[in-house]
């Protein structure tokens, strides 16, 4: 053990008392049954709705352009 500490600075003292204690394992929480997420969950996400709104607006503008200006 002293050989491994030879590269440490001299002010770093070896204060270990042997093997470190093993911490007690944390209790495992019970798994929560998640409901499957469907299409309505996906459509409730703001970035997706912004993207779909922009695409819908572009399609609407193209349709109005084709119907009334061409």
N, C-alpha and C. Protein backbone atom coordinates (compact mmCIF):
# COMPACT_ATOMS: atom_id res chain seq x y z
N UNK A 1 0.83 -1.19 0.00
CA UNK A 1 0.00 0.00 0.00
C UNK A 1 0.87 1.25 0.00
N UNK A 2 1.95 1.23 0.70
CA UNK A 2 2.83 2.40 0.75
C UNK A 2 3.43 2.70 -0.61
N UNK A 3 3.63 1.68 -1.42
CA UNK A 3 4.20 1.89 -2.75
C UNK A 3 3.24 2.70 -3.62
N UNK A 4 1.94 2.47 -3.50
CA UNK A 4 0.96 3.19 -4.29
C UNK A 4 0.87 4.65 -3.85
N UNK A 5 1.24 4.95 -2.59
CA UNK A 5 1.13 6.32 -2.08
C UNK A 5 2.41 7.12 -2.29
N UNK A 6 3.42 6.57 -2.89
CA UNK A 6 4.67 7.30 -3.01
C UNK A 6 4.58 8.47 -3.96
N UNK A 7 3.61 8.44 -4.89
CA UNK A 7 3.47 9.53 -5.85
C UNK A 7 2.61 10.66 -5.32
N UNK A 8 2.01 10.48 -4.14
CA UNK A 8 1.17 11.53 -3.56
C UNK A 8 2.05 12.61 -2.95
N UNK A 9 1.47 13.78 -2.81
CA UNK A 9 2.19 14.86 -2.15
C UNK A 9 2.45 14.47 -0.70
N UNK A 10 3.51 14.98 -0.09
CA UNK A 10 3.84 14.58 1.28
C UNK A 10 2.79 14.99 2.30
N UNK A 11 2.01 16.06 2.04
CA UNK A 11 1.02 16.48 3.01
C UNK A 11 -0.25 15.63 2.96
N UNK A 12 -0.32 14.71 2.03
CA UNK A 12 -1.47 13.81 1.93
C UNK A 12 -1.15 12.55 2.74
N UNK A 13 -1.68 12.46 3.94
CA UNK A 13 -1.38 11.34 4.81
C UNK A 13 -2.34 10.19 4.55
N UNK A 14 -1.85 8.99 4.73
CA UNK A 14 -2.68 7.80 4.59
C UNK A 14 -3.45 7.60 5.88
N UNK A 15 -4.76 7.89 5.86
CA UNK A 15 -5.58 7.76 7.06
C UNK A 15 -6.53 6.57 6.98
N UNK A 16 -6.32 5.72 5.99
CA UNK A 16 -7.23 4.59 5.84
C UNK A 16 -7.01 3.59 6.97
N UNK A 17 -8.09 2.93 7.35
CA UNK A 17 -8.06 1.94 8.42
C UNK A 17 -8.26 0.54 7.86
N UNK A 18 -7.84 0.30 6.66
CA UNK A 18 -8.04 -1.01 6.05
C UNK A 18 -9.07 -0.89 4.93
N UNK A 19 -9.85 -1.94 4.76
CA UNK A 19 -10.85 -1.93 3.70
C UNK A 19 -11.97 -0.94 4.03
N UNK A 20 -12.43 -0.20 3.03
CA UNK A 20 -13.54 0.74 3.28
C UNK A 20 -14.82 -0.03 3.58
N UNK A 21 -15.68 0.50 4.44
CA UNK A 21 -16.93 -0.20 4.75
C UNK A 21 -17.85 -0.22 3.52
N UNK A 22 -18.55 -1.30 3.38
CA UNK A 22 -19.48 -1.45 2.26
C UNK A 22 -20.80 -0.80 2.66
N UNK A 23 -21.30 0.17 1.87
CA UNK A 23 -22.57 0.80 2.24
C UNK A 23 -23.73 -0.18 2.07
N UNK A 24 -24.75 0.03 2.87
CA UNK A 24 -25.93 -0.82 2.79
C UNK A 24 -26.64 -0.57 1.46
N UNK A 25 -27.14 -1.59 0.81
CA UNK A 25 -27.83 -1.38 -0.46
C UNK A 25 -29.10 -0.57 -0.26
N UNK A 26 -29.34 0.33 -1.20
CA UNK A 26 -30.54 1.16 -1.14
C UNK A 26 -31.76 0.31 -1.43
N UNK A 27 -32.86 0.58 -0.75
CA UNK A 27 -34.07 -0.20 -1.03
C UNK A 27 -34.56 0.07 -2.45
N UNK A 28 -34.97 -0.99 -3.11
CA UNK A 28 -35.44 -0.88 -4.48
C UNK A 28 -36.92 -0.51 -4.46
N UNK A 29 -37.28 0.63 -5.09
CA UNK A 29 -38.71 0.99 -5.10
C UNK A 29 -39.50 0.04 -5.98
N UNK A 30 -40.75 -0.11 -5.64
CA UNK A 30 -41.62 -0.99 -6.43
C UNK A 30 -41.83 -0.38 -7.80
N UNK A 31 -41.80 -1.19 -8.86
CA UNK A 31 -41.99 -0.64 -10.20
C UNK A 31 -43.39 -0.08 -10.36
N UNK A 32 -43.46 1.08 -11.00
CA UNK A 32 -44.74 1.74 -11.23
C UNK A 32 -45.23 1.33 -12.61
N UNK A 33 -46.44 0.85 -12.66
CA UNK A 33 -47.01 0.44 -13.94
C UNK A 33 -47.38 1.69 -14.74
N UNK A 34 -46.67 1.90 -15.85
CA UNK A 34 -46.95 3.06 -16.69
C UNK A 34 -47.97 2.70 -17.74
N UNK A 35 -48.87 3.64 -17.98
CA UNK A 35 -49.86 3.42 -19.02
C UNK A 35 -49.20 3.66 -20.38
N UNK A 36 -49.61 2.93 -21.38
CA UNK A 36 -49.03 3.17 -22.69
C UNK A 36 -49.44 4.56 -23.19
N UNK A 37 -48.50 5.23 -23.82
CA UNK A 37 -48.77 6.57 -24.33
C UNK A 37 -49.12 6.47 -25.80
N UNK A 38 -50.19 7.09 -26.17
CA UNK A 38 -50.65 6.98 -27.55
C UNK A 38 -50.54 8.29 -28.30
N UNK A 39 -51.36 8.42 -29.32
CA UNK A 39 -51.31 9.56 -30.22
C UNK A 39 -51.69 10.85 -29.50
N UNK A 40 -52.65 10.81 -28.60
CA UNK A 40 -53.06 12.03 -27.93
C UNK A 40 -51.96 12.59 -27.04
N UNK A 41 -51.14 11.71 -26.47
CA UNK A 41 -50.01 12.20 -25.68
C UNK A 41 -49.00 12.89 -26.59
N UNK A 42 -48.74 12.31 -27.76
CA UNK A 42 -47.79 12.91 -28.69
C UNK A 42 -48.29 14.26 -29.18
N UNK A 43 -49.58 14.38 -29.41
CA UNK A 43 -50.12 15.65 -29.91
C UNK A 43 -50.19 16.71 -28.83
N UNK A 44 -50.00 16.35 -27.58
CA UNK A 44 -50.05 17.34 -26.51
C UNK A 44 -48.69 18.00 -26.27
N UNK A 45 -47.68 17.62 -27.03
CA UNK A 45 -46.36 18.19 -26.84
C UNK A 45 -46.23 19.50 -27.62
N UNK A 46 -45.87 20.61 -26.98
CA UNK A 46 -45.83 21.91 -27.65
C UNK A 46 -44.92 21.97 -28.88
N UNK A 47 -43.69 21.43 -28.88
CA UNK A 47 -42.87 21.53 -30.09
C UNK A 47 -43.52 20.84 -31.29
N UNK A 48 -44.17 19.71 -31.05
CA UNK A 48 -44.82 19.01 -32.15
C UNK A 48 -45.99 19.83 -32.68
N UNK A 49 -46.74 20.43 -31.78
CA UNK A 49 -47.89 21.23 -32.22
C UNK A 49 -47.44 22.47 -32.98
N UNK A 50 -46.34 23.08 -32.57
CA UNK A 50 -45.81 24.23 -33.31
C UNK A 50 -45.40 23.79 -34.71
N UNK A 51 -44.68 22.68 -34.80
CA UNK A 51 -44.26 22.17 -36.10
C UNK A 51 -45.46 21.86 -36.99
N UNK A 52 -46.45 21.17 -36.44
CA UNK A 52 -47.63 20.84 -37.25
C UNK A 52 -48.42 22.09 -37.63
N UNK A 53 -48.44 23.09 -36.76
CA UNK A 53 -49.10 24.35 -37.10
C UNK A 53 -48.42 25.07 -38.24
N UNK A 54 -47.10 25.08 -38.23
CA UNK A 54 -46.35 25.73 -39.32
C UNK A 54 -46.59 24.98 -40.63
N UNK A 55 -46.51 23.67 -40.61
CA UNK A 55 -46.73 22.88 -41.82
C UNK A 55 -48.17 23.08 -42.33
N UNK A 56 -49.14 23.07 -41.40
CA UNK A 56 -50.53 23.30 -41.79
C UNK A 56 -50.74 24.67 -42.40
N UNK A 57 -50.10 25.68 -41.84
CA UNK A 57 -50.21 27.04 -42.38
C UNK A 57 -49.61 27.11 -43.79
N UNK A 58 -48.47 26.48 -43.99
CA UNK A 58 -47.86 26.48 -45.33
C UNK A 58 -48.76 25.77 -46.34
N UNK A 59 -49.36 24.66 -45.94
CA UNK A 59 -50.27 23.96 -46.84
C UNK A 59 -51.51 24.80 -47.14
N UNK A 60 -52.02 25.49 -46.13
CA UNK A 60 -53.19 26.35 -46.34
C UNK A 60 -52.85 27.50 -47.28
N UNK A 61 -51.70 28.12 -47.09
CA UNK A 61 -51.29 29.20 -47.98
C UNK A 61 -51.10 28.71 -49.41
N UNK A 62 -50.54 27.53 -49.57
CA UNK A 62 -50.37 26.97 -50.93
C UNK A 62 -51.71 26.68 -51.56
N UNK A 63 -52.65 26.17 -50.79
CA UNK A 63 -53.98 25.87 -51.33
C UNK A 63 -54.72 27.15 -51.71
N UNK A 64 -54.64 28.17 -50.86
CA UNK A 64 -55.29 29.45 -51.19
C UNK A 64 -54.66 30.06 -52.42
N UNK A 65 -53.36 29.98 -52.52
CA UNK A 65 -52.65 30.51 -53.69
C UNK A 65 -53.10 29.81 -54.96
N UNK A 66 -53.20 28.48 -54.90
CA UNK A 66 -53.63 27.70 -56.08
C UNK A 66 -55.08 28.00 -56.45
N UNK A 67 -55.92 28.16 -55.46
CA UNK A 67 -57.35 28.33 -55.75
C UNK A 67 -57.66 29.75 -56.26
N UNK A 68 -57.08 30.76 -55.68
CA UNK A 68 -57.51 32.12 -55.96
C UNK A 68 -56.54 32.93 -56.81
N UNK A 69 -55.30 32.55 -56.85
CA UNK A 69 -54.34 33.38 -57.59
C UNK A 69 -53.85 32.74 -58.88
N UNK A 70 -54.10 31.48 -59.10
CA UNK A 70 -53.66 30.85 -60.34
C UNK A 70 -54.80 30.66 -61.30
